[in-house]
Amino acid sequence: MYAPQLIDHFEHPRNSGTMESPDISVQAENPACGDVMKLMLRVRDGLVVEAKYQVRGCVASIGCGSALTDAITGKSTDAVRALKREDLVSAVGGLPNESMHASYLAMDCLKLALKQLKK
C-alpha cells in the first residue's frame, strides 16, 4: 500500500521530537481526519539550520513530517519557499489518494512557518 520510502520515514523518522527555544513553532490540523502536526524551526542567516516535527496521526502523516524536515534542513529560506507539495509526495515515493491529506498537512505547517518567518 505504501512506498518503501514512506515506510522508511515512518519506521526511522528523521528530526522527530521537540526543540528547545525554536525560532518558529507552528501547528496545523486536518479537521477531516484529526491528524495534527507541529513544526519547529531554527533559522540562522537565511538558512534552516534545524527542523523538528511532532505528529499525532497516521503512517503517511508521520512519514511526510519526516520527509519535510529532511527536505528543508540545511536549505536557504528561498529554497524552502520553492518546495512544492509534489516534491514532498515524490520524496516519500508517492501516496495513495486516501493518504494524500498527509502531504497537505505537512505543507500547511510549512506555509504557516514561512508566514512567521516574514514577521
PDB file of N, CA and C in Angstrom:
ATOM      1  N   MET A   1       0.815  -1.190   0.000  1.00  0.00           N
ATOM      2  CA  MET A   1       0.000   0.000   0.000  1.00  0.00           C
ATOM      3  C   MET A   1       0.868   1.268   0.000  1.00  0.00           C
ATOM      4  N   TYR A   2       1.901   1.296   0.850  1.00  0.00           N
ATOM      5  CA  TYR A   2       2.782   2.464   0.907  1.00  0.00           C
ATOM      6  C   TYR A   2       4.119   2.158   0.238  1.00  0.00           C
ATOM      7  N   ALA A   3       4.726   3.192  -0.312  1.00  0.00           N
ATOM      8  CA  ALA A   3       6.032   3.058  -0.960  1.00  0.00           C
ATOM      9  C   ALA A   3       7.118   2.796   0.090  1.00  0.00           C
ATOM     10  N   PRO A   4       8.177   2.113  -0.313  1.00  0.00           N
ATOM     11  CA  PRO A   4       9.275   1.837   0.622  1.00  0.00           C
ATOM     12  C   PRO A   4       9.860   3.108   1.254  1.00  0.00           C
ATOM     13  N   GLN A   5       9.916   4.221   0.494  1.00  0.00           N
ATOM     14  CA  GLN A   5      10.455   5.469   1.028  1.00  0.00           C
ATOM     15  C   GLN A   5       9.605   5.975   2.199  1.00  0.00           C
ATOM     16  N   LEU A   6       8.280   5.881   2.057  1.00  0.00           N
ATOM     17  CA  LEU A   6       7.393   6.331   3.129  1.00  0.00           C
ATOM     18  C   LEU A   6       7.540   5.430   4.348  1.00  0.00           C
ATOM     19  N   ILE A   7       7.574   4.140   4.126  1.00  0.00           N
ATOM     20  CA  ILE A   7       7.744   3.193   5.232  1.00  0.00           C
ATOM     21  C   ILE A   7       9.056   3.465   5.962  1.00  0.00           C
ATOM     22  N   ASP A   8      10.108   3.768   5.225  1.00  0.00           N
ATOM     23  CA  ASP A   8      11.395   4.076   5.851  1.00  0.00           C
ATOM     24  C   ASP A   8      11.284   5.327   6.728  1.00  0.00           C
ATOM     25  N   HIS A   9      10.622   6.370   6.229  1.00  0.00           N
ATOM     26  CA  HIS A   9      10.440   7.581   7.031  1.00  0.00           C
ATOM     27  C   HIS A   9       9.572   7.310   8.256  1.00  0.00           C
ATOM     28  N   PHE A  10       8.608   6.406   8.128  1.00  0.00           N
ATOM     29  CA  PHE A  10       7.745   6.063   9.259  1.00  0.00           C
ATOM     30  C   PHE A  10       8.502   5.245  10.306  1.00  0.00           C
ATOM     31  N   GLU A  11       9.234   4.258   9.853  1.00  0.00           N
ATOM     32  CA  GLU A  11       9.946   3.375  10.783  1.00  0.00           C
ATOM     33  C   GLU A  11      11.205   4.010  11.355  1.00  0.00           C
ATOM     34  N   HIS A  12      11.808   4.940  10.618  1.00  0.00           N
ATOM     35  CA  HIS A  12      13.029   5.620  11.054  1.00  0.00           C
ATOM     36  C   HIS A  12      12.859   7.131  10.864  1.00  0.00           C
ATOM     37  N   PRO A  13      11.941   7.726  11.620  1.00  0.00           N
ATOM     38  CA  PRO A  13      11.651   9.154  11.409  1.00  0.00           C
ATOM     39  C   PRO A  13      12.870  10.034  11.667  1.00  0.00           C
ATOM     40  N   ARG A  14      13.085  10.956  10.760  1.00  0.00           N
ATOM     41  CA  ARG A  14      14.169  11.921  10.892  1.00  0.00           C
ATOM     42  C   ARG A  14      13.615  13.162  11.584  1.00  0.00           C
ATOM     43  N   ASN A  15      14.391  13.718  12.483  1.00  0.00           N
ATOM     44  CA  ASN A  15      14.085  15.009  13.101  1.00  0.00           C
ATOM     45  C   ASN A  15      12.790  15.018  13.905  1.00  0.00           C
ATOM     46  N   SER A  16      12.393  13.885  14.426  1.00  0.00           N
ATOM     47  CA  SER A  16      11.186  13.804  15.238  1.00  0.00           C
ATOM     48  C   SER A  16      11.500  14.236  16.665  1.00  0.00           C
ATOM     49  N   GLY A  17      10.568  14.933  17.285  1.00  0.00           N
ATOM     50  CA  GLY A  17      10.748  15.324  18.678  1.00  0.00           C
ATOM     51  C   GLY A  17      10.554  16.813  18.878  1.00  0.00           C
ATOM     52  N   THR A  18      10.987  17.269  20.033  1.00  0.00           N
ATOM     53  CA  THR A  18      10.806  18.676  20.371  1.00  0.00           C
ATOM     54  C   THR A  18      12.109  19.444  20.185  1.00  0.00           C
ATOM     55  N   MET A  19      11.970  20.745  20.125  1.00  0.00           N
ATOM     56  CA  MET A  19      13.122  21.628  20.001  1.00  0.00           C
ATOM     57  C   MET A  19      13.011  22.682  21.107  1.00  0.00           C
ATOM     58  N   GLU A  20      14.067  22.840  21.839  1.00  0.00           N
ATOM     59  CA  GLU A  20      14.080  23.858  22.876  1.00  0.00           C
ATOM     60  C   GLU A  20      14.310  25.231  22.250  1.00  0.00           C
ATOM     61  N   SER A  21      13.459  26.153  22.566  1.00  0.00           N
ATOM     62  CA  SER A  21      13.544  27.544  22.094  1.00  0.00           C
ATOM     63  C   SER A  21      13.667  27.666  20.572  1.00  0.00           C
ATOM     64  N   PRO A  22      12.700  27.129  19.820  1.00  0.00           N
ATOM     65  CA  PRO A  22      12.759  27.284  18.360  1.00  0.00           C
ATOM     66  C   PRO A  22      12.506  28.741  17.967  1.00  0.00           C
ATOM     67  N   ASP A  23      13.027  29.132  16.827  1.00  0.00           N
ATOM     68  CA  ASP A  23      12.739  30.468  16.295  1.00  0.00           C
ATOM     69  C   ASP A  23      11.293  30.535  15.810  1.00  0.00           C
ATOM     70  N   ILE A  24      10.819  29.418  15.279  1.00  0.00           N
ATOM     71  CA  ILE A  24       9.463  29.332  14.738  1.00  0.00           C
ATOM     72  C   ILE A  24       8.846  28.022  15.207  1.00  0.00           C
ATOM     73  N   SER A  25       7.599  28.098  15.668  1.00  0.00           N
ATOM     74  CA  SER A  25       6.853  26.907  16.060  1.00  0.00           C
ATOM     75  C   SER A  25       5.414  27.085  15.606  1.00  0.00           C
ATOM     76  N   VAL A  26       4.945  26.166  14.795  1.00  0.00           N
ATOM     77  CA  VAL A  26       3.583  26.244  14.262  1.00  0.00           C
ATOM     78  C   VAL A  26       2.921  24.875  14.376  1.00  0.00           C
ATOM     79  N   GLN A  27       1.603  24.891  14.319  1.00  0.00           N
ATOM     80  CA  GLN A  27       0.851  23.647  14.382  1.00  0.00           C
ATOM     81  C   GLN A  27      -0.326  23.739  13.428  1.00  0.00           C
ATOM     82  N   ALA A  28      -0.603  22.631  12.750  1.00  0.00           N
ATOM     83  CA  ALA A  28      -1.746  22.554  11.846  1.00  0.00           C
ATOM     84  C   ALA A  28      -2.483  21.249  12.113  1.00  0.00           C
ATOM     85  N   GLU A  29      -3.774  21.282  11.807  1.00  0.00           N
ATOM     86  CA  GLU A  29      -4.613  20.099  11.998  1.00  0.00           C
ATOM     87  C   GLU A  29      -5.445  19.867  10.755  1.00  0.00           C
ATOM     88  N   ASN A  30      -5.615  18.603  10.418  1.00  0.00           N
ATOM     89  CA  ASN A  30      -6.518  18.243   9.338  1.00  0.00           C
ATOM     90  C   ASN A  30      -7.862  17.922   9.984  1.00  0.00           C
ATOM     91  N   PRO A  31      -8.840  18.804   9.834  1.00  0.00           N
ATOM     92  CA  PRO A  31     -10.121  18.583  10.511  1.00  0.00           C
ATOM     93  C   PRO A  31     -10.871  17.337  10.020  1.00  0.00           C
ATOM     94  N   ALA A  32     -10.601  16.900   8.808  1.00  0.00           N
ATOM     95  CA  ALA A  32     -11.296  15.733   8.262  1.00  0.00           C
ATOM     96  C   ALA A  32     -10.867  14.440   8.942  1.00  0.00           C
ATOM     97  N   CYS A  33      -9.557  14.300   9.214  1.00  0.00           N
ATOM     98  CA  CYS A  33      -9.073  13.043   9.789  1.00  0.00           C
ATOM     99  C   CYS A  33      -8.581  13.186  11.229  1.00  0.00           C
ATOM    100  N   GLY A  34      -8.349  14.431  11.674  1.00  0.00           N
ATOM    101  CA  GLY A  34      -7.899  14.656  13.038  1.00  0.00           C
ATOM    102  C   GLY A  34      -6.395  14.621  13.230  1.00  0.00           C
ATOM    103  N   ASP A  35      -5.622  14.393  12.168  1.00  0.00           N
ATOM    104  CA  ASP A  35      -4.160  14.401  12.299  1.00  0.00           C
ATOM    105  C   ASP A  35      -3.684  15.805  12.670  1.00  0.00           C
ATOM    106  N   VAL A  36      -2.674  15.863  13.535  1.00  0.00           N
ATOM    107  CA  VAL A  36      -2.108  17.129  13.979  1.00  0.00           C
ATOM    108  C   VAL A  36      -0.596  17.079  13.802  1.00  0.00           C
ATOM    109  N   MET A  37      -0.023  18.146  13.240  1.00  0.00           N
ATOM    110  CA  MET A  37       1.425  18.239  13.063  1.00  0.00           C
ATOM    111  C   MET A  37       1.929  19.547  13.650  1.00  0.00           C
ATOM    112  N   LYS A  38       3.038  19.448  14.360  1.00  0.00           N
ATOM    113  CA  LYS A  38       3.734  20.619  14.887  1.00  0.00           C
ATOM    114  C   LYS A  38       5.100  20.661  14.218  1.00  0.00           C
ATOM    115  N   LEU A  39       5.478  21.831  13.718  1.00  0.00           N
ATOM    116  CA  LEU A  39       6.762  22.022  13.042  1.00  0.00           C
ATOM    117  C   LEU A  39       7.537  23.106  13.775  1.00  0.00           C
ATOM    118  N   MET A  40       8.783  22.828  14.108  1.00  0.00           N
ATOM    119  CA  MET A  40       9.656  23.777  14.805  1.00  0.00           C
ATOM    120  C   MET A  40      10.917  23.990  13.981  1.00  0.00           C
ATOM    121  N   LEU A  41      11.297  25.257  13.818  1.00  0.00           N
ATOM    122  CA  LEU A  41      12.467  25.589  13.010  1.00  0.00           C
ATOM    123  C   LEU A  41      13.423  26.491  13.762  1.00  0.00           C
ATOM    124  N   ARG A  42      14.702  26.302  13.467  1.00  0.00           N
ATOM    125  CA  ARG A  42      15.748  27.219  13.899  1.00  0.00           C
ATOM    126  C   ARG A  42      16.374  27.764  12.616  1.00  0.00           C
ATOM    127  N   VAL A  43      16.350  29.086  12.480  1.00  0.00           N
ATOM    128  CA  VAL A  43      16.822  29.734  11.263  1.00  0.00           C
ATOM    129  C   VAL A  43      17.955  30.692  11.608  1.00  0.00           C
ATOM    130  N   ARG A  44      19.044  30.604  10.851  1.00  0.00           N
ATOM    131  CA  ARG A  44      20.197  31.486  11.051  1.00  0.00           C
ATOM    132  C   ARG A  44      20.664  32.011   9.703  1.00  0.00           C
ATOM    133  N   ASP A  45      20.748  33.318   9.581  1.00  0.00           N
ATOM    134  CA  ASP A  45      21.262  33.957   8.363  1.00  0.00           C
ATOM    135  C   ASP A  45      20.609  33.417   7.086  1.00  0.00           C
ATOM    136  N   GLY A  46      19.290  33.294   7.126  1.00  0.00           N
ATOM    137  CA  GLY A  46      18.563  32.855   5.935  1.00  0.00           C
ATOM    138  C   GLY A  46      18.655  31.376   5.632  1.00  0.00           C
ATOM    139  N   LEU A  47      19.095  30.579   6.606  1.00  0.00           N
ATOM    140  CA  LEU A  47      19.274  29.138   6.422  1.00  0.00           C
ATOM    141  C   LEU A  47      18.516  28.385   7.518  1.00  0.00           C
ATOM    142  N   VAL A  48      17.781  27.357   7.135  1.00  0.00           N
ATOM    143  CA  VAL A  48      17.123  26.499   8.125  1.00  0.00           C
ATOM    144  C   VAL A  48      18.195  25.551   8.653  1.00  0.00           C
ATOM    145  N   VAL A  49      18.672  25.826   9.858  1.00  0.00           N
ATOM    146  CA  VAL A  49      19.764  25.019  10.402  1.00  0.00           C
ATOM    147  C   VAL A  49      19.262  23.800  11.170  1.00  0.00           C
ATOM    148  N   GLU A  50      17.991  23.863  11.607  1.00  0.00           N
ATOM    149  CA  GLU A  50      17.420  22.713  12.310  1.00  0.00           C
ATOM    150  C   GLU A  50      15.908  22.738  12.131  1.00  0.00           C
ATOM    151  N   ALA A  51      15.340  21.553  11.932  1.00  0.00           N
ATOM    152  CA  ALA A  51      13.893  21.406  11.816  1.00  0.00           C
ATOM    153  C   ALA A  51      13.478  20.160  12.594  1.00  0.00           C
ATOM    154  N   LYS A  52      12.439  20.298  13.387  1.00  0.00           N
ATOM    155  CA  LYS A  52      11.892  19.176  14.156  1.00  0.00           C
ATOM    156  C   LYS A  52      10.385  19.154  13.939  1.00  0.00           C
ATOM    157  N   TYR A  53       9.811  17.999  14.138  1.00  0.00           N
ATOM    158  CA  TYR A  53       8.361  17.887  13.999  1.00  0.00           C
ATOM    159  C   TYR A  53       7.825  16.868  14.991  1.00  0.00           C
ATOM    160  N   GLN A  54       6.542  17.019  15.275  1.00  0.00           N
ATOM    161  CA  GLN A  54       5.804  16.036  16.050  1.00  0.00           C
ATOM    162  C   GLN A  54       4.477  15.826  15.330  1.00  0.00           C
ATOM    163  N   VAL A  55       4.020  14.589  15.285  1.00  0.00           N
ATOM    164  CA  VAL A  55       2.767  14.273  14.616  1.00  0.00           C
ATOM    165  C   VAL A  55       1.940  13.342  15.492  1.00  0.00           C
ATOM    166  N   ARG A  56       0.664  13.656  15.542  1.00  0.00           N
ATOM    167  CA  ARG A  56      -0.305  12.695  16.059  1.00  0.00           C
ATOM    168  C   ARG A  56      -1.176  12.366  14.855  1.00  0.00           C
ATOM    169  N   GLY A  57      -0.917  11.198  14.278  1.00  0.00           N
ATOM    170  CA  GLY A  57      -1.647  10.870  13.071  1.00  0.00           C
ATOM    171  C   GLY A  57      -1.236   9.540  12.477  1.00  0.00           C
ATOM    172  N   CYS A  58      -1.556   9.400  11.226  1.00  0.00           N
ATOM    173  CA  CYS A  58      -1.374   8.138  10.505  1.00  0.00           C
ATOM    174  C   CYS A  58       0.068   7.958  10.014  1.00  0.00           C
ATOM    175  N   VAL A  59       0.314   6.802   9.449  1.00  0.00           N
ATOM    176  CA  VAL A  59       1.624   6.457   8.890  1.00  0.00           C
ATOM    177  C   VAL A  59       2.077   7.515   7.874  1.00  0.00           C
ATOM    178  N   ALA A  60       1.164   7.918   6.994  1.00  0.00           N
ATOM    179  CA  ALA A  60       1.519   8.885   5.953  1.00  0.00           C
ATOM    180  C   ALA A  60       1.873  10.247   6.541  1.00  0.00           C
ATOM    181  N   SER A  61       1.155  10.682   7.560  1.00  0.00           N
ATOM    182  CA  SER A  61       1.458  11.977   8.181  1.00  0.00           C
ATOM    183  C   SER A  61       2.817  11.958   8.874  1.00  0.00           C
ATOM    184  N   ILE A  62       3.107  10.883   9.555  1.00  0.00           N
ATOM    185  CA  ILE A  62       4.411  10.754  10.211  1.00  0.00           C
ATOM    186  C   ILE A  62       5.524  10.744   9.167  1.00  0.00           C
ATOM    187  N   GLY A  63       5.329   9.983   8.103  1.00  0.00           N
ATOM    188  CA  GLY A  63       6.324   9.919   7.031  1.00  0.00           C
ATOM    189  C   GLY A  63       6.509  11.243   6.327  1.00  0.00           C
ATOM    190  N   CYS A  64       5.421  11.959   6.088  1.00  0.00           N
ATOM    191  CA  CYS A  64       5.520  13.267   5.417  1.00  0.00           C
ATOM    192  C   CYS A  64       6.215  14.295   6.306  1.00  0.00           C
ATOM    193  N   GLY A  65       5.977  14.244   7.602  1.00  0.00           N
ATOM    194  CA  GLY A  65       6.680  15.147   8.515  1.00  0.00           C
ATOM    195  C   GLY A  65       8.176  14.901   8.494  1.00  0.00           C
ATOM    196  N   SER A  66       8.554  13.635   8.495  1.00  0.00           N
ATOM    197  CA  SER A  66       9.969  13.274   8.435  1.00  0.00           C
ATOM    198  C   SER A  66      10.598  13.735   7.127  1.00  0.00           C
ATOM    199  N   ALA A  67       9.921  13.457   6.020  1.00  0.00           N
ATOM    200  CA  ALA A  67      10.449  13.851   4.705  1.00  0.00           C
ATOM    201  C   ALA A  67      10.531  15.368   4.572  1.00  0.00           C
ATOM    202  N   LEU A  68       9.553  16.077   5.130  1.00  0.00           N
ATOM    203  CA  LEU A  68       9.572  17.539   5.063  1.00  0.00           C
ATOM    204  C   LEU A  68      10.783  18.096   5.792  1.00  0.00           C
ATOM    205  N   THR A  69      11.012  17.648   7.016  1.00  0.00           N
ATOM    206  CA  THR A  69      12.150  18.185   7.766  1.00  0.00           C
ATOM    207  C   THR A  69      13.473  17.822   7.100  1.00  0.00           C
ATOM    208  N   ASP A  70      13.530  16.630   6.517  1.00  0.00           N
ATOM    209  CA  ASP A  70      14.715  16.221   5.754  1.00  0.00           C
ATOM    210  C   ASP A  70      14.958  17.168   4.576  1.00  0.00           C
ATOM    211  N   ALA A  71      13.873  17.523   3.897  1.00  0.00           N
ATOM    212  CA  ALA A  71      13.977  18.336   2.683  1.00  0.00           C
ATOM    213  C   ALA A  71      14.368  19.784   2.964  1.00  0.00           C
ATOM    214  N   ILE A  72      14.045  20.302   4.143  1.00  0.00           N
ATOM    215  CA  ILE A  72      14.291  21.728   4.395  1.00  0.00           C
ATOM    216  C   ILE A  72      15.516  22.007   5.260  1.00  0.00           C
ATOM    217  N   THR A  73      15.993  21.022   6.002  1.00  0.00           N
ATOM    218  CA  THR A  73      17.152  21.244   6.868  1.00  0.00           C
ATOM    219  C   THR A  73      18.397  21.499   6.019  1.00  0.00           C
ATOM    220  N   GLY A  74      19.085  22.592   6.350  1.00  0.00           N
ATOM    221  CA  GLY A  74      20.291  22.958   5.623  1.00  0.00           C
ATOM    222  C   GLY A  74      20.031  23.769   4.364  1.00  0.00           C
ATOM    223  N   LYS A  75      18.776  24.061   4.096  1.00  0.00           N
ATOM    224  CA  LYS A  75      18.418  24.810   2.884  1.00  0.00           C
ATOM    225  C   LYS A  75      18.181  26.284   3.206  1.00  0.00           C
ATOM    226  N   SER A  76      18.373  27.115   2.201  1.00  0.00           N
ATOM    227  CA  SER A  76      18.075  28.542   2.352  1.00  0.00           C
ATOM    228  C   SER A  76      16.565  28.711   2.440  1.00  0.00           C
ATOM    229  N   THR A  77      16.148  29.794   3.047  1.00  0.00           N
ATOM    230  CA  THR A  77      14.707  30.048   3.141  1.00  0.00           C
ATOM    231  C   THR A  77      14.098  30.219   1.750  1.00  0.00           C
ATOM    232  N   ASP A  78      14.860  30.732   0.788  1.00  0.00           N
ATOM    233  CA  ASP A  78      14.357  30.837  -0.583  1.00  0.00           C
ATOM    234  C   ASP A  78      14.103  29.451  -1.178  1.00  0.00           C
ATOM    235  N   ALA A  79      15.013  28.528  -0.946  1.00  0.00           N
ATOM    236  CA  ALA A  79      14.841  27.150  -1.436  1.00  0.00           C
ATOM    237  C   ALA A  79      13.648  26.488  -0.749  1.00  0.00           C
ATOM    238  N   VAL A  80      13.478  26.761   0.535  1.00  0.00           N
ATOM    239  CA  VAL A  80      12.354  26.197   1.277  1.00  0.00           C
ATOM    240  C   VAL A  80      11.035  26.738   0.723  1.00  0.00           C
ATOM    241  N   ARG A  81      10.998  28.023   0.417  1.00  0.00           N
ATOM    242  CA  ARG A  81       9.783  28.626  -0.166  1.00  0.00           C
ATOM    243  C   ARG A  81       9.444  28.002  -1.520  1.00  0.00           C
ATOM    244  N   ALA A  82      10.443  27.533  -2.228  1.00  0.00           N
ATOM    245  CA  ALA A  82      10.232  26.950  -3.560  1.00  0.00           C
ATOM    246  C   ALA A  82       9.747  25.496  -3.503  1.00  0.00           C
ATOM    247  N   LEU A  83       9.807  24.876  -2.319  1.00  0.00           N
ATOM    248  CA  LEU A  83       9.387  23.481  -2.182  1.00  0.00           C
ATOM    249  C   LEU A  83       7.892  23.355  -2.484  1.00  0.00           C
ATOM    250  N   LYS A  84       7.557  22.414  -3.308  1.00  0.00           N
ATOM    251  CA  LYS A  84       6.167  22.160  -3.705  1.00  0.00           C
ATOM    252  C   LYS A  84       5.665  20.882  -3.033  1.00  0.00           C
ATOM    253  N   ARG A  85       4.359  20.813  -2.886  1.00  0.00           N
ATOM    254  CA  ARG A  85       3.751  19.622  -2.306  1.00  0.00           C
ATOM    255  C   ARG A  85       4.107  18.384  -3.126  1.00  0.00           C
ATOM    256  N   GLU A  86       4.168  18.544  -4.424  1.00  0.00           N
ATOM    257  CA  GLU A  86       4.520  17.419  -5.296  1.00  0.00           C
ATOM    258  C   GLU A  86       5.929  16.903  -5.009  1.00  0.00           C
ATOM    259  N   ASP A  87       6.840  17.820  -4.627  1.00  0.00           N
ATOM    260  CA  ASP A  87       8.204  17.416  -4.260  1.00  0.00           C
ATOM    261  C   ASP A  87       8.177  16.526  -3.023  1.00  0.00           C
ATOM    262  N   LEU A  88       7.338  16.897  -2.067  1.00  0.00           N
ATOM    263  CA  LEU A  88       7.213  16.112  -0.839  1.00  0.00           C
ATOM    264  C   LEU A  88       6.621  14.734  -1.138  1.00  0.00           C
ATOM    265  N   VAL A  89       5.582  14.708  -1.946  1.00  0.00           N
ATOM    266  CA  VAL A  89       4.956  13.434  -2.320  1.00  0.00           C
ATOM    267  C   VAL A  89       5.973  12.540  -3.034  1.00  0.00           C
ATOM    268  N   SER A  90       6.768  13.133  -3.894  1.00  0.00           N
ATOM    269  CA  SER A  90       7.810  12.384  -4.604  1.00  0.00           C
ATOM    270  C   SER A  90       8.859  11.837  -3.626  1.00  0.00           C
ATOM    271  N   ALA A  91       9.202  12.632  -2.616  1.00  0.00           N
ATOM    272  CA  ALA A  91      10.219  12.221  -1.643  1.00  0.00           C
ATOM    273  C   ALA A  91       9.795  10.997  -0.839  1.00  0.00           C
ATOM    274  N   VAL A  92       8.492  10.796  -0.686  1.00  0.00           N
ATOM    275  CA  VAL A  92       8.010   9.613   0.040  1.00  0.00           C
ATOM    276  C   VAL A  92       7.579   8.501  -0.917  1.00  0.00           C
ATOM    277  N   GLY A  93       7.911   8.658  -2.182  1.00  0.00           N
ATOM    278  CA  GLY A  93       7.616   7.612  -3.154  1.00  0.00           C
ATOM    279  C   GLY A  93       6.174   7.564  -3.612  1.00  0.00           C
ATOM    280  N   GLY A  94       5.465   8.660  -3.419  1.00  0.00           N
ATOM    281  CA  GLY A  94       4.052   8.722  -3.797  1.00  0.00           C
ATOM    282  C   GLY A  94       3.151   8.360  -2.638  1.00  0.00           C
ATOM    283  N   LEU A  95       1.901   8.767  -2.754  1.00  0.00           N
ATOM    284  CA  LEU A  95       0.903   8.475  -1.718  1.00  0.00           C
ATOM    285  C   LEU A  95      -0.383   8.001  -2.376  1.00  0.00           C
ATOM    286  N   PRO A  96      -1.051   7.017  -1.766  1.00  0.00           N
ATOM    287  CA  PRO A  96      -2.367   6.655  -2.281  1.00  0.00           C
ATOM    288  C   PRO A  96      -3.336   7.824  -2.059  1.00  0.00           C
ATOM    289  N   ASN A  97      -4.367   7.912  -2.858  1.00  0.00           N
ATOM    290  CA  ASN A  97      -5.311   9.031  -2.766  1.00  0.00           C
ATOM    291  C   ASN A  97      -5.849   9.231  -1.356  1.00  0.00           C
ATOM    292  N   GLU A  98      -6.152   8.145  -0.660  1.00  0.00           N
ATOM    293  CA  GLU A  98      -6.727   8.261   0.685  1.00  0.00           C
ATOM    294  C   GLU A  98      -5.720   8.765   1.723  1.00  0.00           C
ATOM    295  N   SER A  99      -4.451   8.838   1.370  1.00  0.00           N
ATOM    296  CA  SER A  99      -3.427   9.346   2.286  1.00  0.00           C
ATOM    297  C   SER A  99      -2.841  10.681   1.835  1.00  0.00           C
ATOM    298  N   MET A 100      -3.335  11.226   0.752  1.00  0.00           N
ATOM    299  CA  MET A 100      -2.803  12.480   0.214  1.00  0.00           C
ATOM    300  C   MET A 100      -2.937  13.628   1.212  1.00  0.00           C
ATOM    301  N   HIS A 101      -3.917  13.522   2.120  1.00  0.00           N
ATOM    302  CA  HIS A 101      -4.109  14.571   3.130  1.00  0.00           C
ATOM    303  C   HIS A 101      -2.837  14.834   3.935  1.00  0.00           C
ATOM    304  N   ALA A 102      -2.005  13.818   4.096  1.00  0.00           N
ATOM    305  CA  ALA A 102      -0.777  13.956   4.882  1.00  0.00           C
ATOM    306  C   ALA A 102       0.180  14.964   4.255  1.00  0.00           C
ATOM    307  N   SER A 103       0.259  14.980   2.940  1.00  0.00           N
ATOM    308  CA  SER A 103       1.145  15.937   2.274  1.00  0.00           C
ATOM    309  C   SER A 103       0.613  17.357   2.415  1.00  0.00           C
ATOM    310  N   TYR A 104      -0.706  17.517   2.404  1.00  0.00           N
ATOM    311  CA  TYR A 104      -1.302  18.846   2.602  1.00  0.00           C
ATOM    312  C   TYR A 104      -1.061  19.340   4.022  1.00  0.00           C
ATOM    313  N   LEU A 105      -1.160  18.435   4.995  1.00  0.00           N
ATOM    314  CA  LEU A 105      -0.919  18.802   6.389  1.00  0.00           C
ATOM    315  C   LEU A 105       0.514  19.300   6.584  1.00  0.00           C
ATOM    316  N   ALA A 106       1.470  18.567   6.048  1.00  0.00           N
ATOM    317  CA  ALA A 106       2.876  18.961   6.172  1.00  0.00           C
ATOM    318  C   ALA A 106       3.133  20.308   5.491  1.00  0.00           C
ATOM    319  N   MET A 107       2.580  20.494   4.317  1.00  0.00           N
ATOM    320  CA  MET A 107       2.786  21.754   3.596  1.00  0.00           C
ATOM    321  C   MET A 107       2.043  22.914   4.261  1.00  0.00           C
ATOM    322  N   ASP A 108       0.895  22.633   4.884  1.00  0.00           N
ATOM    323  CA  ASP A 108       0.205  23.679   5.645  1.00  0.00           C
ATOM    324  C   ASP A 108       1.086  24.167   6.790  1.00  0.00           C
ATOM    325  N   CYS A 109       1.741  23.248   7.467  1.00  0.00           N
ATOM    326  CA  CYS A 109       2.670  23.620   8.543  1.00  0.00           C
ATOM    327  C   CYS A 109       3.807  24.479   7.993  1.00  0.00           C
ATOM    328  N   LEU A 110       4.350  24.058   6.879  1.00  0.00           N
ATOM    329  CA  LEU A 110       5.455  24.809   6.285  1.00  0.00           C
ATOM    330  C   LEU A 110       5.010  26.217   5.899  1.00  0.00           C
ATOM    331  N   LYS A 111       3.825  26.347   5.320  1.00  0.00           N
ATOM    332  CA  LYS A 111       3.312  27.671   4.943  1.00  0.00           C
ATOM    333  C   LYS A 111       3.133  28.562   6.167  1.00  0.00           C
ATOM    334  N   LEU A 112       2.627  28.002   7.259  1.00  0.00           N
ATOM    335  CA  LEU A 112       2.473  28.770   8.497  1.00  0.00           C
ATOM    336  C   LEU A 112       3.841  29.219   9.020  1.00  0.00           C
ATOM    337  N   ALA A 113       4.822  28.332   8.947  1.00  0.00           N
ATOM    338  CA  ALA A 113       6.172  28.669   9.408  1.00  0.00           C
ATOM    339  C   ALA A 113       6.774  29.783   8.557  1.00  0.00           C
ATOM    340  N   LEU A 114       6.580  29.702   7.264  1.00  0.00           N
ATOM    341  CA  LEU A 114       7.134  30.729   6.368  1.00  0.00           C
ATOM    342  C   LEU A 114       6.455  32.088   6.592  1.00  0.00           C
ATOM    343  N   LYS A 115       5.179  32.075   6.947  1.00  0.00           N
ATOM    344  CA  LYS A 115       4.497  33.334   7.282  1.00  0.00           C
ATOM    345  C   LYS A 115       5.117  33.953   8.533  1.00  0.00           C
ATOM    346  N   GLN A 116       5.421  33.119   9.524  1.00  0.00           N
ATOM    347  CA  GLN A 116       6.061  33.618  10.751  1.00  0.00           C
ATOM    348  C   GLN A 116       7.455  34.148  10.449  1.00  0.00           C
ATOM    349  N   LEU A 117       8.125  33.498   9.526  1.00  0.00           N
ATOM    350  CA  LEU A 117       9.484  33.902   9.169  1.00  0.00           C
ATOM    351  C   LEU A 117       9.510  35.322   8.582  1.00  0.00           C
ATOM    352  N   LYS A 118       8.460  35.684   7.856  1.00  0.00           N
ATOM    353  CA  LYS A 118       8.380  37.020   7.258  1.00  0.00           C
ATOM    354  C   LYS A 118       8.256  38.116   8.298  1.00  0.00           C
ATOM    355  N   LYS A 119       7.691  37.775   9.463  1.00  0.00           N
ATOM    356  CA  LYS A 119       7.446  38.783  10.502  1.00  0.00           C
ATOM    357  C   LYS A 119       8.725  39.263  11.137  1.00  0.00           C
TER     358      LYS A 119
END
